[in-house]
Amino acid sequence: MKLDRRKFLKIGAVAGGTAACSVASPVMARDEREPDPNWYGMLNDSTRCIGCKACQVACKKENKLPTESTLGDDKAFGEAIYDSPRELSEHTYTLIKMHQDENQQATYVKEQCMHCVDPACQSACIVGALTKEADGSVKYDAGLCMGCRYCMVACPFSVPQFDWFKAIPSIKKCTLCSETRLSKGQPTACSTACPAGAITFGKREDLLKIARKRIEAEPERYLDHIYGEKEIGGTNVFYLTKPKVAFASLGLQDFDYKAVSGLTESIQHRIFQYFIPPIAVYSILGGIMAYNQRRKKEAGKLGGDDEY
């Protein structure tokens, strides 16, 4: 569905008039979304990852994204660097990061969209440009997007990225290869490219069973916790780590088990219900983003991880 500016303004005017004539009522809390065991996702095993970045290369190839060498982002002070790029961006949907402990032991972790069970980005979007699909992916519709970037500040993992360099800017992130591969019955490009078996593609319930079996079979190798099973209401991307390596030290925050979508959705509803000025909304959502970023930095210091 395409939504041009004129049509959007018409819809906004009608919605505004309707809201102005109605009597404000409290926003009713909704039930949290339950995960569908048949949703697709991935299990990222950091104990198996060798940091080769084959998944990162495959993702770029699949999505026709420029490489760091093309962009000139692969060098610092004239030397090639391992952590290139440093963060997710409009050019990078999948990123391998190296974290080191106090003994200089390296652990590699894959950073990407988590395809949450109850996505905060979807609940924050006021035009429905982000949706949770039947295959488990969180899909973005550029034709509906109005460029408000609420999704960016609402996402607890800071995943959605804004493409500033296009005539019509849009949000960029991992799509779980939904349209290019899942629709054809194929696994994600990154999981297919991994030579170490660190990325397992499959249905959500099957992935959880695989993760539990690994922990039970090798308790000395794994921390007894599957990250993403319950965090922030659950995700479709899971992580396993070593016994003495906390998820927080890998940039995976110790979030509560309750989804944040209820908070972002209530903020969105009250924008129109009480005509809160956009600047106030940005202040609230900006506060959430600042809090998440602060927690990420503190966790990195506690975990003793250094990036090169």
Foldseek 3Di string as FASTA:
>chain_A
DFDDPVNVVVVVVVLLVVLVPDDFDADDFDDFFDADQQAKFKEFEQLQDPLPCLLFVLVCVLVVADDCVVVVQQDDPRDGFSQPPVDAAQRTQKGWFWWAFPVRDITIDIDFDQLWSQQLLQLLQLQRQWDQDPNSWIHGHLSRDPPPCLSQLRGLLNFWYWDPPDPRIDTDHDGQCVPPAVVVVHGRRSCVRDPRNRMDIGGQNVVVVVVCVVCVVCVQAWQPDWPQCQFQQGTRYIYIGGNPQDVLLVQRDPHDRHHCNSVSNSLSVVCSNVVDDPVVSCVVSVVSSVVSVVSSVVSNVVRVTDGD
